[in-house]
Amino acid sequence: MADTQDTAKTIQITAKELPLHCPQPGAPLWARHPRVFLDVLTEGTVTCPYCSATYEFTGERPKGHH
């Protein structure tokens, strides 16, 4: 993840980044809020309720338990 978390664009997420939580590791201090886990697999996209960052799942879905 880059040093800044641009909430204006969609952030691509793959299976290796699950379980998804926001803020992402490496987010600058000004972009921090309480960690919230987000379910990106149900709809394919999800928006963080704190910072409005939009995440989109791309690639192959995980098989079985993750």
Protein backbone atom coordinates (compact mmCIF):
# COMPACT_ATOMS: atom_id res chain seq x y z
CA MET A 1 0.00 0.00 0.00
CA ALA A 2 1.26 3.47 -0.79
CA ASP A 3 2.06 6.06 1.85
CA THR A 4 -1.26 7.76 1.29
CA GLN A 5 -4.70 6.25 1.07
CA ASP A 6 -6.56 8.02 -1.74
CA THR A 7 -10.26 7.68 -0.96
CA ALA A 8 -11.20 9.12 -4.38
CA LYS A 9 -10.16 5.98 -6.27
CA THR A 10 -11.00 2.31 -5.95
CA ILE A 11 -8.38 0.17 -4.21
CA GLN A 12 -7.87 -3.26 -5.80
CA ILE A 13 -7.80 -6.21 -3.35
CA THR A 14 -6.74 -9.80 -4.06
CA ALA A 15 -7.22 -13.02 -2.09
CA LYS A 16 -3.78 -12.69 -0.44
CA GLU A 17 -4.93 -9.43 1.21
CA LEU A 18 -7.92 -11.02 2.95
CA PRO A 19 -9.32 -10.58 5.53
CA LEU A 20 -9.70 -6.97 4.42
CA HIS A 21 -9.48 -4.22 6.98
CA CYS A 22 -9.27 -0.46 6.82
CA PRO A 23 -7.03 1.44 7.33
CA GLN A 24 -4.47 -0.63 5.44
CA PRO A 25 -0.97 -1.25 6.86
CA GLY A 26 1.35 1.64 6.20
CA ALA A 27 -1.38 4.29 6.15
CA PRO A 28 -0.08 7.63 7.42
CA LEU A 29 -1.06 8.75 10.90
CA TRP A 30 -3.49 11.37 9.57
CA ALA A 31 -5.41 8.68 7.68
CA ARG A 32 -5.86 6.38 10.70
CA HIS A 33 -9.24 5.54 12.18
CA PRO A 34 -10.45 2.58 14.25
CA ARG A 35 -9.75 -0.67 12.40
CA VAL A 36 -12.83 -2.08 10.74
CA PHE A 37 -13.00 -5.40 8.89
CA LEU A 38 -14.85 -5.25 5.57
CA ASP A 39 -16.59 -8.01 3.58
CA VAL A 40 -15.50 -7.41 0.00
CA LEU A 41 -16.41 -10.91 -1.25
CA THR A 42 -20.21 -10.64 -0.91
CA GLU A 43 -20.74 -7.79 -3.39
CA GLY A 44 -17.31 -7.52 -4.99
CA THR A 45 -16.92 -3.96 -3.72
CA VAL A 46 -17.19 -2.37 -0.29
CA THR A 47 -16.84 1.15 1.11
CA CYS A 48 -15.26 1.92 4.48
CA PRO A 49 -17.81 3.57 6.80
CA TYR A 50 -15.11 5.77 8.38
CA CYS A 51 -13.09 7.18 5.48
CA SER A 52 -15.21 6.24 2.44
CA ALA A 53 -12.34 4.37 0.78
CA THR A 54 -13.75 1.98 -1.83
CA TYR A 55 -12.25 -1.49 -2.19
CA GLU A 56 -12.82 -3.85 -5.13
CA PHE A 57 -11.98 -7.55 -5.18
CA THR A 58 -10.08 -8.71 -8.25
CA GLY A 59 -8.65 -12.04 -9.27
CA GLU A 60 -9.53 -15.55 -8.20
CA ARG A 61 -11.78 -16.01 -5.20
CA PRO A 62 -10.38 -18.00 -2.27
CA LYS A 63 -11.48 -21.64 -2.08
CA GLY A 64 -12.68 -23.17 1.18
CA HIS A 65 -11.73 -21.59 4.48
CA HIS A 66 -9.42 -18.64 4.36
